[in-house]
């Protein structure tokens, strides 16, 4: 049924004084279907009218947008034609709710004639045409046109997804102009709200995922204090290739580990998680030192995506009395140790073993370290010491890190404050974000 809206005839503009409205045929060649959201409304606005007037010549009175530009109209007599005319520059769709649907639901429902009513064509769903428009144009504002006697269906159309409804017998240029502008702005607000809700949900899911992937230290019964700092190098990533963990076994020994898988992608991050979980399982099973690292190398060789991938690792096993520790280095930077009255220094790193995954049958010697009664340890990955600093843009390095830690210790920093200050200063010296993953682990014991 055609919408009884007064419209200009297709007469030259010089004769009528009014713009000629485009028909479906004038747009078919350049139009294409798109599900992308329309851009912010430029001037002028574009309106796609979908109605089944068999003459194809219905016009609307001149409509001006907020800037005084004429609203451009396109007309389609059915949904197939509308799909062809639905380009990204269309800001709003005006759908006649009496438009027949795309066809009967089954062959038995096929009408005997070409002229059908909306109820016949759409079966039991009087809003089938609207639902199809919303499917093919999810990012566009949609207005529906109906009669005042059909107010209930008009309200249902809004609940289904239309921005507003209009009654034919009350329609004029001023009302349509206001409805179009309102519908476009409301759709933009709806899209923005939906994206915000999605962003919040994604942030919540990411936080839960990160909590699940990052370790919870198992230190119940230990007198050691623990802190950790983790920052992936990839933008917006949850995890990088760095990993760490700390557990206390039933004999009272505290085992700490920090490692780094070469590379920065999701495969490397997944491998880091696998190595951490494997290390925890093997440690709780009683393995340590060379036996543990040899088994971890087997895990890496099986799980890595290619043979070029390797991982560095540092393990520290602190004796139950807290005064001694065993140190194993697999191609990893040595930890820092600090004691009262002495500056922080690097633990011995000579004769350490190769990174995991480089040499089959490699060995990793375990060095015994005397810690004393009161001490603190800082384990870290090379993402921190490879940051640049100085006029020559040289690397921070282990010596620069040692000096930095000593400055922070002199200020009385410890635990999370010490680690956060170290990362912040490294970023400042680097002139911006560090490009590699960064992980730091702090353990401390106070005697007496």
Protein backbone atom coordinates (compact mmCIF):
# COMPACT_ATOMS: atom_id res chain seq x y z
CA UNK A 1 0.00 0.00 0.00
CA UNK A 2 1.50 3.40 -0.97
CA UNK A 3 2.14 5.93 1.75
CA UNK A 4 -0.16 8.93 1.15
CA UNK A 5 2.58 11.50 1.56
CA UNK A 6 2.65 14.47 -0.85
CA UNK A 7 5.75 14.32 -3.02
CA UNK A 8 7.22 16.36 -5.87
CA UNK A 9 6.76 15.17 -9.41
CA UNK A 10 9.79 14.60 -11.55
CA UNK A 11 9.70 17.99 -13.27
CA UNK A 12 12.73 20.14 -13.99
CA UNK A 13 13.82 22.23 -11.07
CA UNK A 14 13.54 25.44 -13.11
CA UNK A 15 9.84 24.77 -13.75
CA UNK A 16 8.79 23.54 -10.33
CA UNK A 17 11.15 25.47 -8.14
CA UNK A 18 11.76 22.24 -6.21
CA UNK A 19 14.47 19.62 -6.37
CA UNK A 20 13.87 16.46 -8.37
CA UNK A 21 13.91 13.44 -6.10
CA UNK A 22 16.01 10.45 -7.16
CA UNK A 23 14.33 7.14 -7.87
CA UNK A 24 15.67 3.63 -7.34
CA UNK A 25 16.90 3.32 -10.92
CA UNK A 26 19.22 6.34 -10.67
CA UNK A 27 21.17 4.81 -7.81
CA UNK A 28 21.34 1.12 -8.73
CA UNK A 29 24.65 1.22 -10.59
CA UNK A 30 26.68 2.85 -7.79
CA UNK A 31 24.93 1.43 -4.73
CA UNK A 32 26.00 -1.62 -2.76
CA UNK A 33 24.84 -3.37 0.41
CA UNK A 34 26.81 -2.71 3.56
CA UNK A 35 26.35 -3.54 7.22
CA UNK A 36 28.82 -0.92 8.41
CA UNK A 37 27.64 1.86 10.67
CA UNK A 38 27.02 5.15 8.83
CA UNK A 39 29.40 8.03 9.35
CA UNK A 40 28.59 11.05 11.46
CA UNK A 41 25.85 12.94 9.61
CA UNK A 42 27.41 15.36 7.14
CA UNK A 43 25.34 17.95 5.28
CA UNK A 44 23.04 17.04 3.70
CA UNK A 45 21.35 14.03 5.31
CA UNK A 46 20.34 11.09 3.11
CA UNK A 47 17.03 9.31 3.66
CA UNK A 48 16.09 5.95 2.12
CA UNK A 49 12.32 5.53 1.78
CA UNK A 50 11.05 1.96 1.43
CA UNK A 51 7.42 1.80 0.25
CA UNK A 52 5.55 -0.14 -2.42
CA UNK A 53 3.92 2.61 -4.48
CA UNK A 54 3.47 1.01 -7.91
CA UNK A 55 3.89 4.37 -9.64
CA UNK A 56 7.24 5.03 -7.99
CA UNK A 57 6.60 8.76 -8.08
CA UNK A 58 5.54 9.70 -4.57
CA UNK A 59 7.43 12.68 -3.19
CA UNK A 60 7.75 14.37 0.13
CA UNK A 61 7.76 18.10 0.72
CA UNK A 62 11.06 19.89 0.95
CA UNK A 63 12.90 18.88 4.12
CA UNK A 64 15.81 20.93 5.44
CA UNK A 65 18.35 19.71 7.94
CA UNK A 66 19.76 21.76 10.80
CA UNK A 67 22.22 23.50 8.45
CA UNK A 68 19.54 24.43 5.93
CA UNK A 69 20.50 21.76 3.39
CA UNK A 70 17.84 19.73 1.62
CA UNK A 71 17.55 16.15 2.85
CA UNK A 72 18.31 13.87 -0.09
CA UNK A 73 15.88 11.05 -0.71
CA UNK A 74 16.21 7.65 -2.30
CA UNK A 75 13.20 5.43 -2.85
CA UNK A 76 12.89 1.67 -3.01
CA UNK A 77 9.74 -0.32 -3.78
CA UNK A 78 10.88 -3.52 -2.06
CA UNK A 79 13.57 -4.85 0.25
CA UNK A 80 15.72 -6.22 -2.57
CA UNK A 81 15.89 -2.78 -4.15
CA UNK A 82 16.50 -1.21 -0.74
CA UNK A 83 19.50 -3.47 -0.19
CA UNK A 84 21.06 -2.17 -3.40
CA UNK A 85 20.51 1.44 -2.39
CA UNK A 86 21.74 1.02 1.17
CA UNK A 87 25.14 2.70 0.99
CA UNK A 88 27.20 4.01 3.93
CA UNK A 89 26.12 7.61 3.26
CA UNK A 90 22.47 6.77 4.05
CA UNK A 91 21.74 8.11 7.51
CA UNK A 92 18.14 7.09 8.03
CA UNK A 93 15.57 4.63 6.62
CA UNK A 94 11.82 5.31 6.46
CA UNK A 95 9.97 1.99 6.18
CA UNK A 96 6.29 1.64 5.35
CA UNK A 97 5.00 -1.05 7.71
CA UNK A 98 2.43 -2.11 5.13
CA UNK A 99 5.26 -3.14 2.82
CA UNK A 100 4.86 -6.76 1.76
CA UNK A 101 7.57 -9.08 3.01
CA UNK A 102 10.07 -10.89 0.89
CA UNK A 103 7.72 -13.78 0.24
CA UNK A 104 5.75 -16.55 1.91
CA UNK A 105 7.44 -18.83 4.40
CA UNK A 106 6.63 -22.02 2.48
CA UNK A 107 5.69 -22.90 -1.08
CA UNK A 108 2.18 -23.79 0.08
CA UNK A 109 1.77 -20.20 1.32
CA UNK A 110 2.61 -18.67 -2.07
CA UNK A 111 -0.01 -16.16 -3.18
CA UNK A 112 -1.94 -16.71 -6.40
CA UNK A 113 -1.41 -13.13 -7.53
CA UNK A 114 1.44 -10.68 -7.48
CA UNK A 115 -0.44 -8.24 -5.24
CA UNK A 116 -0.39 -9.47 -1.64
CA UNK A 117 -0.95 -7.96 1.75
CA UNK A 118 1.75 -7.69 4.38
CA UNK A 119 0.01 -10.23 6.61
CA UNK A 120 -0.17 -12.77 3.78
CA UNK A 121 3.45 -12.32 2.77
CA UNK A 122 4.96 -12.38 6.24
CA UNK A 123 2.87 -15.13 7.76
CA UNK A 124 2.26 -14.66 11.46
CA UNK A 125 4.91 -11.94 11.88
CA UNK A 126 3.58 -8.49 10.96
CA UNK A 127 7.02 -6.98 11.49
CA UNK A 128 8.98 -9.34 9.24
CA UNK A 129 9.89 -6.55 6.82
CA UNK A 130 11.21 -4.41 9.67
CA UNK A 131 13.23 -7.29 11.09
CA UNK A 132 14.83 -7.86 7.70
CA UNK A 133 15.68 -4.16 7.37
CA UNK A 134 17.30 -4.24 10.82
CA UNK A 135 19.33 -7.28 9.80
CA UNK A 136 20.70 -5.73 6.60
CA UNK A 137 21.17 -2.27 8.18
CA UNK A 138 22.19 -2.78 11.82
CA UNK A 139 24.07 0.52 11.95
CA UNK A 140 21.38 2.74 10.41
CA UNK A 141 18.56 4.67 12.06
CA UNK A 142 15.13 3.28 11.09
CA UNK A 143 11.76 5.08 11.18
CA UNK A 144 8.51 3.25 10.51
CA UNK A 145 5.40 4.69 8.87
CA UNK A 146 1.91 3.40 9.64
CA UNK A 147 -1.64 4.54 10.29
CA UNK A 148 -2.94 5.92 13.58
CA UNK A 149 -5.24 2.91 13.82
CA UNK A 150 -2.18 0.66 13.97
CA UNK A 151 -0.52 2.30 16.97
CA UNK A 152 0.03 -0.98 18.79
CA UNK A 153 2.10 -2.42 15.96
CA UNK A 154 4.00 0.88 15.68
CA UNK A 155 4.95 0.67 19.36
CA UNK A 156 6.03 -2.95 18.88
CA UNK A 157 8.22 -1.81 15.99
CA UNK A 158 10.10 0.49 18.36
CA UNK A 159 10.54 -2.36 20.84
CA UNK A 160 11.93 -4.51 18.01
CA UNK A 161 14.54 -1.91 17.08
CA UNK A 162 13.10 1.06 15.16
CA UNK A 163 14.08 4.48 16.49
CA UNK A 164 10.56 5.96 16.17
CA UNK A 165 7.21 5.67 14.35
CA UNK A 166 5.19 8.17 12.34
CA UNK A 167 1.48 8.26 11.42
CA UNK A 168 0.63 8.94 7.79
CA UNK A 169 -2.28 11.26 8.45
CA UNK A 170 -0.17 13.44 10.77
CA UNK A 171 2.97 13.56 8.65
CA UNK A 172 4.34 16.81 7.27
CA UNK A 173 7.77 18.11 6.34
CA UNK A 174 8.48 19.68 9.74
CA UNK A 175 7.55 16.53 11.65
CA UNK A 176 9.53 14.28 9.32
CA UNK A 177 12.55 16.57 9.52
CA UNK A 178 12.54 16.45 13.31
CA UNK A 179 11.98 12.67 13.35
CA UNK A 180 14.91 12.04 11.00
CA UNK A 181 17.30 14.15 13.05
CA UNK A 182 16.13 12.53 16.29
CA UNK A 183 16.41 9.02 14.86
CA UNK A 184 19.95 9.58 13.55
CA UNK A 185 21.18 11.01 16.85
CA UNK A 186 19.45 8.30 18.89
CA UNK A 187 20.98 5.57 16.73
CA UNK A 188 24.41 7.08 17.12
CA UNK A 189 23.89 7.20 20.90
CA UNK A 190 22.67 3.59 20.92
CA UNK A 191 25.75 2.44 18.97
CA UNK A 192 28.07 4.36 21.30
CA UNK A 193 26.35 2.88 24.35
CA UNK A 194 26.58 -0.62 22.89
CA UNK A 195 30.30 -0.20 22.17
CA UNK A 196 30.85 1.11 25.69
CA UNK A 197 29.03 -1.86 27.19
CA UNK A 198 31.07 -4.23 25.01
CA UNK A 199 34.28 -2.50 26.06
CA UNK A 200 33.39 -2.81 29.76
CA UNK A 201 32.48 -6.46 29.34
CA UNK A 202 35.70 -7.16 27.47
CA UNK A 203 37.71 -5.40 30.17
CA UNK A 204 36.02 -7.51 32.85
CA UNK A 205 36.67 -10.71 30.90
CA UNK A 206 40.29 -9.70 30.30
CA UNK A 207 40.77 -8.99 33.99
CA UNK A 208 39.39 -12.41 34.91
CA UNK A 209 41.58 -14.04 32.26
CA UNK A 210 44.66 -12.20 33.46
CA UNK A 211 43.98 -13.20 37.07
CA UNK A 212 43.67 -16.80 35.92
CA UNK A 213 46.89 -16.76 33.90
CA UNK A 214 49.13 -14.84 36.28
CA UNK A 215 50.32 -16.95 39.22
CA UNK A 216 49.17 -16.74 42.80
CA UNK A 217 52.25 -17.33 45.00
CA UNK A 218 52.03 -20.37 47.26
CA UNK A 219 53.90 -19.13 50.35
CA UNK A 220 51.64 -20.21 53.21
CA UNK A 221 53.76 -20.84 56.31
CA UNK A 222 56.78 -18.91 55.04
CA UNK A 223 58.23 -15.80 56.70
CA UNK A 224 59.31 -14.38 53.34
CA UNK A 225 57.69 -11.28 51.85
CA UNK A 226 56.76 -11.30 48.18
CA UNK A 227 55.99 -8.74 45.46
CA UNK A 228 55.78 -8.89 41.67
CA UNK A 229 55.38 -6.49 38.76
CA UNK A 230 54.36 -7.55 35.27
CA UNK A 231 53.92 -5.51 32.08
CA UNK A 232 53.54 -7.09 28.62
CA UNK A 233 55.30 -5.36 25.77
CA UNK A 234 52.52 -5.87 23.19
CA UNK A 235 49.91 -3.14 23.10
CA UNK A 236 46.66 -4.15 24.84
CA UNK A 237 48.00 -7.65 25.52
CA UNK A 238 47.23 -9.50 28.74
CA UNK A 239 50.44 -11.49 28.84
CA UNK A 240 53.76 -11.55 27.08
CA UNK A 241 56.47 -14.15 26.85
CA UNK A 242 57.78 -13.40 30.36
CA UNK A 243 56.63 -15.59 33.25
CA UNK A 244 57.32 -16.09 36.96
CA UNK A 245 56.14 -18.13 39.93
CA UNK A 246 56.85 -18.82 43.60
CA UNK A 247 55.86 -21.88 45.65
CA UNK A 248 56.73 -23.39 49.03
CA UNK A 249 57.10 -27.15 49.18
CA UNK A 250 56.19 -29.27 52.23
CA UNK A 251 59.82 -29.39 53.44
CA UNK A 252 59.76 -25.59 53.90
CA UNK A 253 61.89 -24.72 50.87
CA UNK A 254 60.71 -21.66 48.90
CA UNK A 255 61.20 -21.99 45.15
CA UNK A 256 61.16 -18.87 42.95
CA UNK A 257 61.44 -18.69 39.20
CA UNK A 258 61.43 -16.08 36.45
CA UNK A 259 61.74 -16.70 32.72
CA UNK A 260 61.46 -15.22 29.25
CA UNK A 261 60.35 -16.83 26.00
CA UNK A 262 61.96 -15.18 22.98
CA UNK A 263 59.46 -13.26 20.87
CA UNK A 264 56.41 -11.16 21.66
CA UNK A 265 53.38 -12.80 20.06
CA UNK A 266 50.45 -14.77 21.48
CA UNK A 267 52.23 -18.08 20.77
CA UNK A 268 55.14 -17.01 22.95
CA UNK A 269 52.77 -15.83 25.67
CA UNK A 270 50.97 -19.19 25.62
CA UNK A 271 54.28 -21.05 25.80
CA UNK A 272 55.31 -18.93 28.80
CA UNK A 273 52.13 -19.94 30.62
CA UNK A 274 52.76 -23.60 29.79
CA UNK A 275 56.33 -23.44 31.09
CA UNK A 276 55.22 -21.74 34.30
CA UNK A 277 52.55 -24.34 34.99
CA UNK A 278 55.00 -27.14 34.17
CA UNK A 279 57.60 -25.61 36.51
CA UNK A 280 55.10 -25.44 39.36
CA UNK A 281 53.98 -29.04 38.83
CA UNK A 282 57.54 -30.34 38.62
CA UNK A 283 58.61 -28.34 41.69
CA UNK A 284 55.71 -29.63 43.76
CA UNK A 285 56.62 -33.13 42.57
CA UNK A 286 60.08 -32.72 44.13
CA UNK A 287 62.31 -31.85 41.15
CA UNK A 288 64.86 -29.03 41.32
CA UNK A 289 68.03 -27.80 39.70
CA UNK A 290 69.36 -29.61 36.65
CA UNK A 291 66.67 -32.33 36.68
CA UNK A 292 63.87 -29.76 36.66
CA UNK A 293 65.43 -27.66 33.88
CA UNK A 294 66.11 -30.68 31.70
CA UNK A 295 62.45 -31.70 31.98
CA UNK A 296 61.32 -28.15 31.25
CA UNK A 297 63.45 -28.19 28.12
CA UNK A 298 61.58 -31.29 26.97
CA UNK A 299 58.28 -29.50 27.55
CA UNK A 300 59.48 -26.51 25.55
CA UNK A 301 60.66 -28.68 22.66
CA UNK A 302 57.25 -30.35 22.44
CA UNK A 303 55.14 -27.20 22.87
CA UNK A 304 57.05 -24.52 20.96
CA UNK A 305 55.62 -23.52 17.56
CA UNK A 306 59.01 -23.73 15.80
CA UNK A 307 62.53 -24.94 16.56
CA UNK A 308 63.94 -21.40 16.73
CA UNK A 309 62.01 -20.62 19.92
CA UNK A 310 63.96 -20.76 23.18
CA UNK A 311 63.47 -19.53 26.75
CA UNK A 312 65.77 -18.18 29.43
CA UNK A 313 65.18 -19.10 33.06
CA UNK A 314 66.38 -18.28 36.55
CA UNK A 315 65.49 -20.46 39.54
CA UNK A 316 66.22 -19.80 43.19
CA UNK A 317 65.60 -22.43 45.91
CA UNK A 318 65.68 -20.85 49.38
CA UNK A 319 66.41 -23.25 52.23
CA UNK A 320 63.83 -23.65 55.02
CA UNK A 321 66.00 -21.61 57.42
CA UNK A 322 66.07 -18.77 54.86
CA UNK A 323 69.85 -18.31 55.09
CA UNK A 324 70.99 -20.18 51.97
CA UNK A 325 69.78 -20.62 48.41
CA UNK A 326 70.55 -22.63 45.33
CA UNK A 327 70.79 -20.67 42.04
CA UNK A 328 70.38 -22.02 38.50
CA UNK A 329 70.67 -19.80 35.43
CA UNK A 330 69.66 -20.92 31.95
CA UNK A 331 70.88 -18.03 29.83
CA UNK A 332 69.08 -15.57 32.13
CA UNK A 333 70.36 -12.40 33.86
CA UNK A 334 71.53 -12.96 37.44
CA UNK A 335 69.36 -11.69 40.31
CA UNK A 336 70.30 -8.82 42.60
CA UNK A 337 70.80 -9.38 46.32
CA UNK A 338 70.93 -6.66 48.97
CA UNK A 339 71.84 -6.96 52.66
CA UNK A 340 71.80 -4.42 55.49
CA UNK A 341 74.80 -2.13 55.31
CA UNK A 342 75.79 -3.33 51.83
CA UNK A 343 74.74 -2.10 48.39
CA UNK A 344 72.80 -4.39 46.12
CA UNK A 345 74.96 -6.53 43.86
CA UNK A 346 74.52 -9.19 41.20
CA UNK A 347 74.70 -12.81 42.31
CA UNK A 348 77.45 -14.86 40.62
CA UNK A 349 76.56 -15.74 37.05
CA UNK A 350 79.69 -17.45 35.75
CA UNK A 351 79.38 -20.97 34.36
CA UNK A 352 75.63 -20.76 33.93
CA UNK A 353 73.88 -23.07 31.48
CA UNK A 354 72.40 -22.23 28.07
CA UNK A 355 68.85 -21.09 27.45
CA UNK A 356 66.25 -23.84 27.26
CA UNK A 357 65.74 -25.20 23.78
CA UNK A 358 69.18 -24.34 22.37
CA UNK A 359 71.34 -27.39 23.10
CA UNK A 360 70.04 -30.97 23.42
CA UNK A 361 71.44 -32.69 26.49
CA UNK A 362 72.59 -29.43 28.09
CA UNK A 363 73.41 -29.21 31.81
CA UNK A 364 72.62 -26.43 34.28
CA UNK A 365 74.93 -26.29 37.32
CA UNK A 366 73.40 -25.28 40.64
CA UNK A 367 75.38 -22.73 42.65
CA UNK A 368 75.04 -22.46 46.44
CA UNK A 369 74.55 -18.90 47.73
CA UNK A 370 74.90 -17.67 51.32
CA UNK A 371 72.16 -15.09 51.99
CA UNK A 372 72.46 -14.47 55.72
CA UNK A 373 69.69 -13.55 58.11
CA UNK A 374 68.25 -10.40 56.50
CA UNK A 375 68.24 -9.89 52.77
CA UNK A 376 66.17 -9.12 49.68
CA UNK A 377 66.32 -10.54 46.18
CA UNK A 378 65.22 -8.94 42.90
CA UNK A 379 64.66 -11.24 39.92
CA UNK A 380 63.92 -9.59 36.56
CA UNK A 381 63.72 -10.18 32.81
CA UNK A 382 65.87 -8.50 30.19
CA UNK A 383 63.02 -6.26 29.02
CA UNK A 384 63.98 -3.96 31.89
CA UNK A 385 67.72 -3.78 31.30
CA UNK A 386 67.44 -3.50 27.50
CA UNK A 387 65.70 -0.14 27.76
CA UNK A 388 67.83 2.72 26.43
CA UNK A 389 69.32 5.56 28.44
CA UNK A 390 71.87 8.37 28.20
CA UNK A 391 72.90 10.72 25.40
CA UNK A 392 74.29 7.88 23.32
CA UNK A 393 71.08 5.89 23.72
CA UNK A 394 73.04 3.01 25.26
CA UNK A 395 71.24 0.21 27.10
CA UNK A 396 70.49 0.44 30.81
CA UNK A 397 72.19 -2.92 31.36
CA UNK A 398 72.76 -4.79 34.58
CA UNK A 399 75.13 -2.19 35.97
CA UNK A 400 72.62 0.59 35.37
CA UNK A 401 69.88 -1.50 36.97
CA UNK A 402 72.09 -2.13 40.02
CA UNK A 403 72.70 1.60 40.45
CA UNK A 404 68.98 2.30 40.04
CA UNK A 405 67.99 -0.30 42.65
CA UNK A 406 70.54 1.09 45.09
CA UNK A 407 69.14 4.61 44.70
CA UNK A 408 65.64 3.35 45.43
CA UNK A 409 66.82 1.28 48.39
CA UNK A 410 68.53 4.39 49.80
CA UNK A 411 65.15 6.11 49.69
CA UNK A 412 63.70 3.33 51.81
CA UNK A 413 61.67 1.69 49.02
CA UNK A 414 60.90 -2.01 49.13
CA UNK A 415 58.38 -4.49 47.78
CA UNK A 416 55.86 -3.23 45.24
CA UNK A 417 57.02 0.37 45.65
CA UNK A 418 60.58 -0.62 44.75
CA UNK A 419 59.48 -2.57 41.66
CA UNK A 420 57.08 0.15 40.47
CA UNK A 421 59.73 2.85 40.89
CA UNK A 422 62.22 0.77 38.91
CA UNK A 423 59.86 0.26 35.98
CA UNK A 424 58.83 3.93 36.02
CA UNK A 425 62.43 5.14 35.95
CA UNK A 426 63.38 2.68 33.21
CA UNK A 427 60.51 4.01 31.09
CA UNK A 428 61.59 7.59 31.74
CA UNK A 429 65.18 6.88 30.80
CA UNK A 430 63.99 5.06 27.68
CA UNK A 431 62.00 8.11 26.62
CA UNK A 432 58.73 6.18 26.51
CA UNK A 433 57.25 2.72 26.86
CA UNK A 434 59.62 -0.22 27.00
CA UNK A 435 59.19 -2.33 23.88
CA UNK A 436 59.86 -5.71 25.48
CA UNK A 437 57.92 -7.58 28.16
CA UNK A 438 58.96 -6.78 31.72
CA UNK A 439 58.62 -8.99 34.79
CA UNK A 440 60.13 -8.40 38.24
CA UNK A 441 60.01 -10.52 41.39
CA UNK A 442 60.98 -9.38 44.89
CA UNK A 443 61.59 -11.66 47.88
CA UNK A 444 62.71 -10.47 51.27
CA UNK A 445 63.48 -11.91 54.70
CA UNK A 446 64.11 -10.14 58.00
CA UNK A 447 65.72 -12.15 60.78
CA UNK A 448 64.57 -11.77 64.32
